Amino acid sequence: GRRITSALVLRALAVIALFGVAHFLATLALAVTEGPVGGHRYSLIALMFEAMSALATDGLSTGITPTLTVPGKLVLCGAMFLGRVGPLTAVYALQRRQQATVRYRFPEAAVRIG
């Protein structure tokens, strides 16, 4: 038998959690941008489906995407980009990198000035 390391389980849970947070934020942004505007009123289920479809980059739609506002379409574009790049990759790219400890020095030299 084989076993899965706890580090791998934690990484999988992190991906699931980040994907869930991204889905919640994308749905919330769609709900804010697609309020009762222009006579269109979308159900929360339809907005959740569009957000999940964008994050999963599977190309499915309930058919409301062409009637979304420009900010709503931008939310979907961001969700598609995040879904394509991957949540962990996006977090790694955005976090600050720590300076590595320098284990070497450049030699000093006397430089003539003037």
PDB file of N, CA and C in Angstrom:
ATOM      1  N   GLY A   1       0.806  -1.178   0.000  1.00  0.00           N
ATOM      2  CA  GLY A   1       0.000   0.000   0.000  1.00  0.00           C
ATOM      3  C   GLY A   1       0.854   1.248   0.000  1.00  0.00           C
ATOM      4  N   ARG A   2       0.205   2.276  -0.362  1.00  0.00           N
ATOM      5  CA  ARG A   2       0.844   3.591  -0.371  1.00  0.00           C
ATOM      6  C   ARG A   2       0.028   4.540   0.486  1.00  0.00           C
ATOM      7  N   ARG A   3       0.674   5.594   0.894  1.00  0.00           N
ATOM      8  CA  ARG A   3      -0.044   6.591   1.671  1.00  0.00           C
ATOM      9  C   ARG A   3       0.270   7.973   1.116  1.00  0.00           C
ATOM     10  N   ILE A   4      -0.611   8.887   1.387  1.00  0.00           N
ATOM     11  CA  ILE A   4      -0.449  10.264   0.931  1.00  0.00           C
ATOM     12  C   ILE A   4       0.130  11.069   2.086  1.00  0.00           C
ATOM     13  N   THR A   5       1.148  11.849   1.802  1.00  0.00           N
ATOM     14  CA  THR A   5       1.784  12.636   2.856  1.00  0.00           C
ATOM     15  C   THR A   5       0.849  13.748   3.320  1.00  0.00           C
ATOM     16  N   SER A   6       1.043  14.167   4.546  1.00  0.00           N
ATOM     17  CA  SER A   6       0.194  15.230   5.091  1.00  0.00           C
ATOM     18  C   SER A   6       0.435  16.554   4.369  1.00  0.00           C
ATOM     19  N   ALA A   7       1.642  16.773   3.869  1.00  0.00           N
ATOM     20  CA  ALA A   7       1.916  18.002   3.121  1.00  0.00           C
ATOM     21  C   ALA A   7       1.094  18.048   1.836  1.00  0.00           C
ATOM     22  N   LEU A   8       0.945  16.908   1.181  1.00  0.00           N
ATOM     23  CA  LEU A   8       0.149  16.857  -0.038  1.00  0.00           C
ATOM     24  C   LEU A   8      -1.330  17.072   0.258  1.00  0.00           C
ATOM     25  N   VAL A   9      -1.796  16.531   1.367  1.00  0.00           N
ATOM     26  CA  VAL A   9      -3.192  16.737   1.768  1.00  0.00           C
ATOM     27  C   VAL A   9      -3.437  18.212   2.071  1.00  0.00           C
ATOM     28  N   LEU A  10      -2.510  18.855   2.778  1.00  0.00           N
ATOM     29  CA  LEU A  10      -2.654  20.274   3.089  1.00  0.00           C
ATOM     30  C   LEU A  10      -2.637  21.128   1.833  1.00  0.00           C
ATOM     31  N   ARG A  11      -1.811  20.766   0.876  1.00  0.00           N
ATOM     32  CA  ARG A  11      -1.770  21.510  -0.384  1.00  0.00           C
ATOM     33  C   ARG A  11      -3.089  21.368  -1.136  1.00  0.00           C
ATOM     34  N   ALA A  12      -3.666  20.169  -1.147  1.00  0.00           N
ATOM     35  CA  ALA A  12      -4.957  19.954  -1.803  1.00  0.00           C
ATOM     36  C   ALA A  12      -6.057  20.742  -1.106  1.00  0.00           C
ATOM     37  N   LEU A  13      -6.033  20.761   0.223  1.00  0.00           N
ATOM     38  CA  LEU A  13      -7.020  21.542   0.966  1.00  0.00           C
ATOM     39  C   LEU A  13      -6.859  23.037   0.703  1.00  0.00           C
ATOM     40  N   ALA A  14      -5.625  23.485   0.538  1.00  0.00           N
ATOM     41  CA  ALA A  14      -5.391  24.896   0.226  1.00  0.00           C
ATOM     42  C   ALA A  14      -5.966  25.251  -1.137  1.00  0.00           C
ATOM     43  N   VAL A  15      -5.795  24.369  -2.114  1.00  0.00           N
ATOM     44  CA  VAL A  15      -6.353  24.615  -3.443  1.00  0.00           C
ATOM     45  C   VAL A  15      -7.873  24.674  -3.371  1.00  0.00           C
ATOM     46  N   ILE A  16      -8.481  23.745  -2.648  1.00  0.00           N
ATOM     47  CA  ILE A  16      -9.939  23.728  -2.518  1.00  0.00           C
ATOM     48  C   ILE A  16     -10.429  24.995  -1.823  1.00  0.00           C
ATOM     49  N   ALA A  17      -9.748  25.392  -0.754  1.00  0.00           N
ATOM     50  CA  ALA A  17     -10.158  26.588  -0.017  1.00  0.00           C
ATOM     51  C   ALA A  17     -10.012  27.844  -0.866  1.00  0.00           C
ATOM     52  N   LEU A  18      -8.893  27.973  -1.567  1.00  0.00           N
ATOM     53  CA  LEU A  18      -8.694  29.147  -2.412  1.00  0.00           C
ATOM     54  C   LEU A  18      -9.696  29.190  -3.557  1.00  0.00           C
ATOM     55  N   PHE A  19     -10.005  28.038  -4.117  1.00  0.00           N
ATOM     56  CA  PHE A  19     -10.995  27.983  -5.189  1.00  0.00           C
ATOM     57  C   PHE A  19     -12.370  28.376  -4.658  1.00  0.00           C
ATOM     58  N   GLY A  20     -12.697  27.919  -3.438  1.00  0.00           N
ATOM     59  CA  GLY A  20     -13.973  28.290  -2.829  1.00  0.00           C
ATOM     60  C   GLY A  20     -14.066  29.782  -2.557  1.00  0.00           C
ATOM     61  N   VAL A  21     -12.984  30.359  -2.052  1.00  0.00           N
ATOM     62  CA  VAL A  21     -12.965  31.801  -1.797  1.00  0.00           C
ATOM     63  C   VAL A  21     -13.076  32.575  -3.107  1.00  0.00           C
ATOM     64  N   ALA A  22     -12.361  32.129  -4.132  1.00  0.00           N
ATOM     65  CA  ALA A  22     -12.435  32.795  -5.432  1.00  0.00           C
ATOM     66  C   ALA A  22     -13.845  32.709  -6.005  1.00  0.00           C
ATOM     67  N   HIS A  23     -14.495  31.564  -5.842  1.00  0.00           N
ATOM     68  CA  HIS A  23     -15.868  31.409  -6.335  1.00  0.00           C
ATOM     69  C   HIS A  23     -16.813  32.338  -5.583  1.00  0.00           C
ATOM     70  N   PHE A  24     -16.654  32.415  -4.267  1.00  0.00           N
ATOM     71  CA  PHE A  24     -17.495  33.307  -3.468  1.00  0.00           C
ATOM     72  C   PHE A  24     -17.297  34.761  -3.888  1.00  0.00           C
ATOM     73  N   LEU A  25     -16.041  35.185  -4.045  1.00  0.00           N
ATOM     74  CA  LEU A  25     -15.761  36.571  -4.412  1.00  0.00           C
ATOM     75  C   LEU A  25     -16.257  36.900  -5.816  1.00  0.00           C
ATOM     76  N   ALA A  26     -16.092  35.963  -6.753  1.00  0.00           N
ATOM     77  CA  ALA A  26     -16.580  36.203  -8.113  1.00  0.00           C
ATOM     78  C   ALA A  26     -18.098  36.290  -8.134  1.00  0.00           C
ATOM     79  N   THR A  27     -18.768  35.425  -7.379  1.00  0.00           N
ATOM     80  CA  THR A  27     -20.227  35.473  -7.309  1.00  0.00           C
ATOM     81  C   THR A  27     -20.688  36.768  -6.656  1.00  0.00           C
ATOM     82  N   LEU A  28     -20.015  37.176  -5.593  1.00  0.00           N
ATOM     83  CA  LEU A  28     -20.367  38.424  -4.919  1.00  0.00           C
ATOM     84  C   LEU A  28     -20.171  39.621  -5.849  1.00  0.00           C
ATOM     85  N   ALA A  29     -19.056  39.634  -6.575  1.00  0.00           N
ATOM     86  CA  ALA A  29     -18.804  40.731  -7.510  1.00  0.00           C
ATOM     87  C   ALA A  29     -19.853  40.758  -8.617  1.00  0.00           C
ATOM     88  N   LEU A  30     -20.242  39.591  -9.111  1.00  0.00           N
ATOM     89  CA  LEU A  30     -21.295  39.549 -10.131  1.00  0.00           C
ATOM     90  C   LEU A  30     -22.625  40.026  -9.562  1.00  0.00           C
ATOM     91  N   ALA A  31     -22.927  39.656  -8.329  1.00  0.00           N
ATOM     92  CA  ALA A  31     -24.180  40.094  -7.713  1.00  0.00           C
ATOM     93  C   ALA A  31     -24.198  41.609  -7.536  1.00  0.00           C
ATOM     94  N   VAL A  32     -23.040  42.190  -7.240  1.00  0.00           N
ATOM     95  CA  VAL A  32     -22.966  43.644  -7.075  1.00  0.00           C
ATOM     96  C   VAL A  32     -23.060  44.346  -8.427  1.00  0.00           C
ATOM     97  N   THR A  33     -22.315  43.856  -9.416  1.00  0.00           N
ATOM     98  CA  THR A  33     -22.302  44.528 -10.718  1.00  0.00           C
ATOM     99  C   THR A  33     -23.554  44.266 -11.533  1.00  0.00           C
ATOM    100  N   GLU A  34     -24.235  43.179 -11.256  1.00  0.00           N
ATOM    101  CA  GLU A  34     -25.415  42.822 -12.045  1.00  0.00           C
ATOM    102  C   GLU A  34     -26.701  42.955 -11.245  1.00  0.00           C
ATOM    103  N   GLY A  35     -26.798  44.002 -10.450  1.00  0.00           N
ATOM    104  CA  GLY A  35     -28.033  44.263  -9.730  1.00  0.00           C
ATOM    105  C   GLY A  35     -29.151  44.529 -10.733  1.00  0.00           C
ATOM    106  N   PRO A  36     -30.294  44.984 -10.278  1.00  0.00           N
ATOM    107  CA  PRO A  36     -31.395  45.244 -11.220  1.00  0.00           C
ATOM    108  C   PRO A  36     -31.053  46.392 -12.170  1.00  0.00           C
ATOM    109  N   VAL A  37     -30.298  46.084 -13.221  1.00  0.00           N
ATOM    110  CA  VAL A  37     -29.841  47.080 -14.186  1.00  0.00           C
ATOM    111  C   VAL A  37     -30.461  46.777 -15.539  1.00  0.00           C
ATOM    112  N   GLY A  38     -30.995  47.770 -16.172  1.00  0.00           N
ATOM    113  CA  GLY A  38     -31.485  47.608 -17.543  1.00  0.00           C
ATOM    114  C   GLY A  38     -32.598  46.588 -17.678  1.00  0.00           C
ATOM    115  N   GLY A  39     -33.357  46.365 -16.638  1.00  0.00           N
ATOM    116  CA  GLY A  39     -34.460  45.422 -16.733  1.00  0.00           C
ATOM    117  C   GLY A  39     -34.054  43.974 -16.559  1.00  0.00           C
ATOM    118  N   HIS A  40     -32.751  43.689 -16.477  1.00  0.00           N
ATOM    119  CA  HIS A  40     -32.296  42.311 -16.281  1.00  0.00           C
ATOM    120  C   HIS A  40     -32.215  42.032 -14.791  1.00  0.00           C
ATOM    121  N   ARG A  41     -32.731  40.923 -14.400  1.00  0.00           N
ATOM    122  CA  ARG A  41     -32.601  40.486 -13.007  1.00  0.00           C
ATOM    123  C   ARG A  41     -32.207  39.022 -13.046  1.00  0.00           C
ATOM    124  N   TYR A  42     -30.981  38.747 -12.632  1.00  0.00           N
ATOM    125  CA  TYR A  42     -30.446  37.396 -12.713  1.00  0.00           C
ATOM    126  C   TYR A  42     -30.597  36.703 -11.370  1.00  0.00           C
ATOM    127  N   SER A  43     -30.860  35.415 -11.404  1.00  0.00           N
ATOM    128  CA  SER A  43     -30.949  34.652 -10.160  1.00  0.00           C
ATOM    129  C   SER A  43     -29.545  34.407  -9.617  1.00  0.00           C
ATOM    130  N   LEU A  44     -29.470  34.197  -8.331  1.00  0.00           N
ATOM    131  CA  LEU A  44     -28.178  33.930  -7.699  1.00  0.00           C
ATOM    132  C   LEU A  44     -27.579  32.632  -8.228  1.00  0.00           C
ATOM    133  N   ILE A  45     -28.429  31.664  -8.509  1.00  0.00           N
ATOM    134  CA  ILE A  45     -27.938  30.384  -9.048  1.00  0.00           C
ATOM    135  C   ILE A  45     -27.277  30.603 -10.406  1.00  0.00           C
ATOM    136  N   ALA A  46     -27.880  31.441 -11.251  1.00  0.00           N
ATOM    137  CA  ALA A  46     -27.292  31.712 -12.570  1.00  0.00           C
ATOM    138  C   ALA A  46     -25.946  32.413 -12.426  1.00  0.00           C
ATOM    139  N   LEU A  47     -25.852  33.364 -11.500  1.00  0.00           N
ATOM    140  CA  LEU A  47     -24.583  34.060 -11.286  1.00  0.00           C
ATOM    141  C   LEU A  47     -23.527  33.120 -10.710  1.00  0.00           C
ATOM    142  N   MET A  48     -23.938  32.235  -9.801  1.00  0.00           N
ATOM    143  CA  MET A  48     -22.999  31.255  -9.247  1.00  0.00           C
ATOM    144  C   MET A  48     -22.503  30.305 -10.332  1.00  0.00           C
ATOM    145  N   PHE A  49     -23.400  29.903 -11.226  1.00  0.00           N
ATOM    146  CA  PHE A  49     -23.011  29.004 -12.309  1.00  0.00           C
ATOM    147  C   PHE A  49     -22.019  29.693 -13.238  1.00  0.00           C
ATOM    148  N   GLU A  50     -22.286  30.948 -13.579  1.00  0.00           N
ATOM    149  CA  GLU A  50     -21.372  31.678 -14.461  1.00  0.00           C
ATOM    150  C   GLU A  50     -20.002  31.844 -13.812  1.00  0.00           C
ATOM    151  N   ALA A  51     -19.981  32.141 -12.509  1.00  0.00           N
ATOM    152  CA  ALA A  51     -18.703  32.303 -11.809  1.00  0.00           C
ATOM    153  C   ALA A  51     -17.936  30.986 -11.766  1.00  0.00           C
ATOM    154  N   MET A  52     -18.626  29.890 -11.460  1.00  0.00           N
ATOM    155  CA  MET A  52     -17.959  28.588 -11.406  1.00  0.00           C
ATOM    156  C   MET A  52     -17.478  28.164 -12.786  1.00  0.00           C
ATOM    157  N   SER A  53     -18.281  28.430 -13.792  1.00  0.00           N
ATOM    158  CA  SER A  53     -17.896  28.081 -15.152  1.00  0.00           C
ATOM    159  C   SER A  53     -16.660  28.865 -15.582  1.00  0.00           C
ATOM    160  N   ALA A  54     -16.593  30.136 -15.187  1.00  0.00           N
ATOM    161  CA  ALA A  54     -15.423  30.944 -15.530  1.00  0.00           C
ATOM    162  C   ALA A  54     -14.182  30.436 -14.799  1.00  0.00           C
ATOM    163  N   LEU A  55     -14.318  30.115 -13.518  1.00  0.00           N
ATOM    164  CA  LEU A  55     -13.169  29.613 -12.759  1.00  0.00           C
ATOM    165  C   LEU A  55     -12.700  28.257 -13.274  1.00  0.00           C
ATOM    166  N   ALA A  56     -13.639  27.438 -13.710  1.00  0.00           N
ATOM    167  CA  ALA A  56     -13.279  26.107 -14.208  1.00  0.00           C
ATOM    168  C   ALA A  56     -12.841  26.144 -15.665  1.00  0.00           C
ATOM    169  N   THR A  57     -13.012  27.260 -16.321  1.00  0.00           N
ATOM    170  CA  THR A  57     -12.683  27.452 -17.745  1.00  0.00           C
ATOM    171  C   THR A  57     -13.218  26.312 -18.604  1.00  0.00           C
ATOM    172  N   ASP A  58     -14.490  25.979 -18.404  1.00  0.00           N
ATOM    173  CA  ASP A  58     -15.067  24.880 -19.176  1.00  0.00           C
ATOM    174  C   ASP A  58     -15.944  25.348 -20.330  1.00  0.00           C
ATOM    175  N   GLY A  59     -16.259  26.642 -20.399  1.00  0.00           N
ATOM    176  CA  GLY A  59     -17.003  27.165 -21.534  1.00  0.00           C
ATOM    177  C   GLY A  59     -18.505  27.041 -21.433  1.00  0.00           C
ATOM    178  N   LEU A  60     -19.021  26.556 -20.321  1.00  0.00           N
ATOM    179  CA  LEU A  60     -20.468  26.438 -20.170  1.00  0.00           C
ATOM    180  C   LEU A  60     -21.057  27.773 -19.736  1.00  0.00           C
ATOM    181  N   SER A  61     -22.320  27.995 -20.071  1.00  0.00           N
ATOM    182  CA  SER A  61     -22.984  29.234 -19.699  1.00  0.00           C
ATOM    183  C   SER A  61     -24.480  29.004 -19.633  1.00  0.00           C
ATOM    184  N   THR A  62     -25.145  29.805 -18.830  1.00  0.00           N
ATOM    185  CA  THR A  62     -26.602  29.760 -18.788  1.00  0.00           C
ATOM    186  C   THR A  62     -27.203  30.656 -19.858  1.00  0.00           C
ATOM    187  N   GLY A  63     -26.373  31.364 -20.582  1.00  0.00           N
ATOM    188  CA  GLY A  63     -26.838  32.232 -21.652  1.00  0.00           C
ATOM    189  C   GLY A  63     -26.955  33.687 -21.254  1.00  0.00           C
ATOM    190  N   ILE A  64     -26.567  34.024 -20.037  1.00  0.00           N
ATOM    191  CA  ILE A  64     -26.696  35.412 -19.604  1.00  0.00           C
ATOM    192  C   ILE A  64     -25.435  36.232 -19.860  1.00  0.00           C
ATOM    193  N   THR A  65     -24.353  35.605 -20.238  1.00  0.00           N
ATOM    194  CA  THR A  65     -23.085  36.313 -20.393  1.00  0.00           C
ATOM    195  C   THR A  65     -23.160  37.466 -21.390  1.00  0.00           C
ATOM    196  N   PRO A  66     -23.798  37.319 -22.550  1.00  0.00           N
ATOM    197  CA  PRO A  66     -23.850  38.460 -23.479  1.00  0.00           C
ATOM    198  C   PRO A  66     -24.619  39.664 -22.940  1.00  0.00           C
ATOM    199  N   THR A  67     -25.508  39.441 -21.983  1.00  0.00           N
ATOM    200  CA  THR A  67     -26.309  40.547 -21.458  1.00  0.00           C
ATOM    201  C   THR A  67     -25.735  41.144 -20.179  1.00  0.00           C
ATOM    202  N   LEU A  68     -24.590  40.673 -19.738  1.00  0.00           N
ATOM    203  CA  LEU A  68     -23.965  41.226 -18.536  1.00  0.00           C
ATOM    204  C   LEU A  68     -23.425  42.620 -18.824  1.00  0.00           C
ATOM    205  N   THR A  69     -23.266  43.399 -17.766  1.00  0.00           N
ATOM    206  CA  THR A  69     -22.650  44.713 -17.912  1.00  0.00           C
ATOM    207  C   THR A  69     -21.147  44.536 -18.138  1.00  0.00           C
ATOM    208  N   VAL A  70     -20.495  45.619 -18.542  1.00  0.00           N
ATOM    209  CA  VAL A  70     -19.050  45.544 -18.781  1.00  0.00           C
ATOM    210  C   VAL A  70     -18.292  45.165 -17.505  1.00  0.00           C
ATOM    211  N   PRO A  71     -18.606  45.753 -16.340  1.00  0.00           N
ATOM    212  CA  PRO A  71     -17.910  45.293 -15.128  1.00  0.00           C
ATOM    213  C   PRO A  71     -18.148  43.815 -14.833  1.00  0.00           C
ATOM    214  N   GLY A  72     -19.350  43.315 -15.115  1.00  0.00           N
ATOM    215  CA  GLY A  72     -19.632  41.895 -14.911  1.00  0.00           C
ATOM    216  C   GLY A  72     -18.800  41.017 -15.829  1.00  0.00           C
ATOM    217  N   LYS A  73     -18.638  41.463 -17.062  1.00  0.00           N
ATOM    218  CA  LYS A  73     -17.803  40.706 -18.001  1.00  0.00           C
ATOM    219  C   LYS A  73     -16.341  40.737 -17.572  1.00  0.00           C
ATOM    220  N   LEU A  74     -15.903  41.865 -17.007  1.00  0.00           N
ATOM    221  CA  LEU A  74     -14.527  41.944 -16.513  1.00  0.00           C
ATOM    222  C   LEU A  74     -14.316  41.018 -15.315  1.00  0.00           C
ATOM    223  N   VAL A  75     -15.340  40.888 -14.480  1.00  0.00           N
ATOM    224  CA  VAL A  75     -15.261  39.935 -13.363  1.00  0.00           C
ATOM    225  C   VAL A  75     -15.075  38.527 -13.907  1.00  0.00           C
ATOM    226  N   LEU A  76     -15.835  38.179 -14.934  1.00  0.00           N
ATOM    227  CA  LEU A  76     -15.704  36.843 -15.527  1.00  0.00           C
ATOM    228  C   LEU A  76     -14.338  36.661 -16.181  1.00  0.00           C
ATOM    229  N   CYS A  77     -13.811  37.716 -16.803  1.00  0.00           N
ATOM    230  CA  CYS A  77     -12.470  37.619 -17.400  1.00  0.00           C
ATOM    231  C   CYS A  77     -11.419  37.351 -16.324  1.00  0.00           C
ATOM    232  N   GLY A  78     -11.520  38.064 -15.211  1.00  0.00           N
ATOM    233  CA  GLY A  78     -10.590  37.828 -14.108  1.00  0.00           C
ATOM    234  C   GLY A  78     -10.721  36.426 -13.543  1.00  0.00           C
ATOM    235  N   ALA A  79     -11.950  35.947 -13.432  1.00  0.00           N
ATOM    236  CA  ALA A  79     -12.169  34.586 -12.922  1.00  0.00           C
ATOM    237  C   ALA A  79     -11.604  33.550 -13.888  1.00  0.00           C
ATOM    238  N   MET A  80     -11.765  33.790 -15.185  1.00  0.00           N
ATOM    239  CA  MET A  80     -11.212  32.850 -16.167  1.00  0.00           C
ATOM    240  C   MET A  80      -9.691  32.837 -16.104  1.00  0.00           C
ATOM    241  N   PHE A  81      -9.087  34.017 -15.932  1.00  0.00           N
ATOM    242  CA  PHE A  81      -7.630  34.079 -15.829  1.00  0.00           C
ATOM    243  C   PHE A  81      -7.147  33.346 -14.581  1.00  0.00           C
ATOM    244  N   LEU A  82      -7.814  33.598 -13.453  1.00  0.00           N
ATOM    245  CA  LEU A  82      -7.434  32.923 -12.216  1.00  0.00           C
ATOM    246  C   LEU A  82      -7.627  31.421 -12.327  1.00  0.00           C
ATOM    247  N   GLY A  83      -8.702  30.998 -12.967  1.00  0.00           N
ATOM    248  CA  GLY A  83      -8.939  29.569 -13.145  1.00  0.00           C
ATOM    249  C   GLY A  83      -7.904  28.923 -14.047  1.00  0.00           C
ATOM    250  N   ARG A  84      -7.441  29.666 -15.029  1.00  0.00           N
ATOM    251  CA  ARG A  84      -6.437  29.116 -15.945  1.00  0.00           C
ATOM    252  C   ARG A  84      -5.067  29.047 -15.281  1.00  0.00           C
ATOM    253  N   VAL A  85      -4.712  30.098 -14.567  1.00  0.00           N
ATOM    254  CA  VAL A  85      -3.409  30.141 -13.905  1.00  0.00           C
ATOM    255  C   VAL A  85      -3.379  29.180 -12.723  1.00  0.00           C
ATOM    256  N   GLY A  86      -4.469  29.119 -11.999  1.00  0.00           N
ATOM    257  CA  GLY A  86      -4.542  28.267 -10.815  1.00  0.00           C
ATOM    258  C   GLY A  86      -4.414  29.093  -9.562  1.00  0.00           C
ATOM    259  N   PRO A  87      -5.187  28.766  -8.546  1.00  0.00           N
ATOM    260  CA  PRO A  87      -5.166  29.573  -7.328  1.00  0.00           C
ATOM    261  C   PRO A  87      -3.814  29.595  -6.623  1.00  0.00           C
ATOM    262  N   LEU A  88      -3.162  28.456  -6.505  1.00  0.00           N
ATOM    263  CA  LEU A  88      -1.878  28.434  -5.794  1.00  0.00           C
ATOM    264  C   LEU A  88      -0.800  29.185  -6.553  1.00  0.00           C
ATOM    265  N   THR A  89      -0.796  29.048  -7.866  1.00  0.00           N
ATOM    266  CA  THR A  89       0.187  29.764  -8.670  1.00  0.00           C
ATOM    267  C   THR A  89      -0.009  31.262  -8.541  1.00  0.00           C
ATOM    268  N   ALA A  90      -1.262  31.708  -8.536  1.00  0.00           N
ATOM    269  CA  ALA A  90      -1.542  33.134  -8.392  1.00  0.00           C
ATOM    270  C   ALA A  90      -1.089  33.648  -7.029  1.00  0.00           C
ATOM    271  N   VAL A  91      -1.325  32.878  -5.980  1.00  0.00           N
ATOM    272  CA  VAL A  91      -0.898  33.301  -4.643  1.00  0.00           C
ATOM    273  C   VAL A  91       0.621  33.330  -4.562  1.00  0.00           C
ATOM    274  N   TYR A  92       1.292  32.334  -5.110  1.00  0.00           N
ATOM    275  CA  TYR A  92       2.757  32.328  -5.103  1.00  0.00           C
ATOM    276  C   TYR A  92       3.313  33.520  -5.864  1.00  0.00           C
ATOM    277  N   ALA A  93       2.671  33.892  -6.962  1.00  0.00           N
ATOM    278  CA  ALA A  93       3.156  35.018  -7.754  1.00  0.00           C
ATOM    279  C   ALA A  93       2.950  36.346  -7.033  1.00  0.00           C
ATOM    280  N   LEU A  94       1.909  36.441  -6.222  1.00  0.00           N
ATOM    281  CA  LEU A  94       1.601  37.703  -5.563  1.00  0.00           C
ATOM    282  C   LEU A  94       2.291  37.883  -4.218  1.00  0.00           C
ATOM    283  N   GLN A  95       2.760  36.807  -3.616  1.00  0.00           N
ATOM    284  CA  GLN A  95       3.375  36.959  -2.301  1.00  0.00           C
ATOM    285  C   GLN A  95       4.784  37.513  -2.435  1.00  0.00           C
ATOM    286  N   ARG A  96       5.210  38.186  -1.392  1.00  0.00           N
ATOM    287  CA  ARG A  96       6.544  38.785  -1.404  1.00  0.00           C
ATOM    288  C   ARG A  96       7.601  37.706  -1.286  1.00  0.00           C
ATOM    289  N   ARG A  97       8.634  37.899  -2.039  1.00  0.00           N
ATOM    290  CA  ARG A  97       9.744  36.952  -1.972  1.00  0.00           C
ATOM    291  C   ARG A  97      10.756  37.466  -0.953  1.00  0.00           C
ATOM    292  N   GLN A  98      11.273  36.559  -0.164  1.00  0.00           N
ATOM    293  CA  GLN A  98      12.270  36.943   0.824  1.00  0.00           C
ATOM    294  C   GLN A  98      13.638  36.945   0.164  1.00  0.00           C
ATOM    295  N   GLN A  99      14.435  37.895   0.583  1.00  0.00           N
ATOM    296  CA  GLN A  99      15.788  37.981   0.056  1.00  0.00           C
ATOM    297  C   GLN A  99      16.605  36.797   0.568  1.00  0.00           C
ATOM    298  N   ALA A 100      17.261  36.138  -0.330  1.00  0.00           N
ATOM    299  CA  ALA A 100      18.129  35.027   0.062  1.00  0.00           C
ATOM    300  C   ALA A 100      19.365  35.587   0.765  1.00  0.00           C
ATOM    301  N   THR A 101      19.871  34.845   1.706  1.00  0.00           N
ATOM    302  CA  THR A 101      21.075  35.257   2.411  1.00  0.00           C
ATOM    303  C   THR A 101      22.250  35.211   1.442  1.00  0.00           C
ATOM    304  N   VAL A 102      22.951  36.316   1.373  1.00  0.00           N
ATOM    305  CA  VAL A 102      24.080  36.405   0.449  1.00  0.00           C
ATOM    306  C   VAL A 102      25.285  35.728   1.086  1.00  0.00           C
ATOM    307  N   ARG A 103      25.859  34.789   0.371  1.00  0.00           N
ATOM    308  CA  ARG A 103      27.007  34.053   0.903  1.00  0.00           C
ATOM    309  C   ARG A 103      28.303  34.417   0.179  1.00  0.00           C
ATOM    310  N   TYR A 104      28.258  35.521  -0.530  1.00  0.00           N
ATOM    311  CA  TYR A 104      29.458  35.950  -1.227  1.00  0.00           C
ATOM    312  C   TYR A 104      29.537  37.468  -1.147  1.00  0.00           C
ATOM    313  N   ARG A 105      30.749  38.002  -1.407  1.00  0.00           N
ATOM    314  CA  ARG A 105      30.948  39.443  -1.458  1.00  0.00           C
ATOM    315  C   ARG A 105      31.755  39.764  -2.692  1.00  0.00           C
ATOM    316  N   PHE A 106      31.450  40.922  -3.257  1.00  0.00           N
ATOM    317  CA  PHE A 106      32.257  41.379  -4.374  1.00  0.00           C
ATOM    318  C   PHE A 106      33.567  41.940  -3.826  1.00  0.00           C
ATOM    319  N   PRO A 107      34.665  41.768  -4.551  1.00  0.00           N
ATOM    320  CA  PRO A 107      35.942  42.307  -4.073  1.00  0.00           C
ATOM    321  C   PRO A 107      35.938  43.834  -4.119  1.00  0.00           C
ATOM    322  N   GLU A 108      36.652  44.435  -3.179  1.00  0.00           N
ATOM    323  CA  GLU A 108      36.755  45.887  -3.148  1.00  0.00           C
ATOM    324  C   GLU A 108      37.888  46.312  -4.062  1.00  0.00           C
ATOM    325  N   ALA A 109      37.704  47.493  -4.635  1.00  0.00           N
ATOM    326  CA  ALA A 109      38.733  48.021  -5.524  1.00  0.00           C
ATOM    327  C   ALA A 109      38.832  49.522  -5.323  1.00  0.00           C
ATOM    328  N   ALA A 110      40.028  50.035  -5.484  1.00  0.00           N
ATOM    329  CA  ALA A 110      40.236  51.479  -5.414  1.00  0.00           C
ATOM    330  C   ALA A 110      39.978  52.047  -6.805  1.00  0.00           C
ATOM    331  N   VAL A 111      39.026  52.937  -6.896  1.00  0.00           N
ATOM    332  CA  VAL A 111      38.656  53.520  -8.185  1.00  0.00           C
ATOM    333  C   VAL A 111      39.064  54.981  -8.183  1.00  0.00           C
ATOM    334  N   ARG A 112      39.715  55.411  -9.239  1.00  0.00           N
ATOM    335  CA  ARG A 112      40.140  56.800  -9.353  1.00  0.00           C
ATOM    336  C   ARG A 112      38.959  57.636  -9.803  1.00  0.00           C
ATOM    337  N   ILE A 113      38.737  58.690  -9.080  1.00  0.00           N
ATOM    338  CA  ILE A 113      37.640  59.589  -9.414  1.00  0.00           C
ATOM    339  C   ILE A 113      38.231  60.949  -9.733  1.00  0.00           C
ATOM    340  N   GLY A 114      37.816  61.536 -10.861  1.00  0.00           N
ATOM    341  CA  GLY A 114      38.224  62.883 -11.215  1.00  0.00           C
ATOM    342  C   GLY A 114      39.360  63.008 -12.123  1.00  0.00           C
TER     343      GLY A 114
END
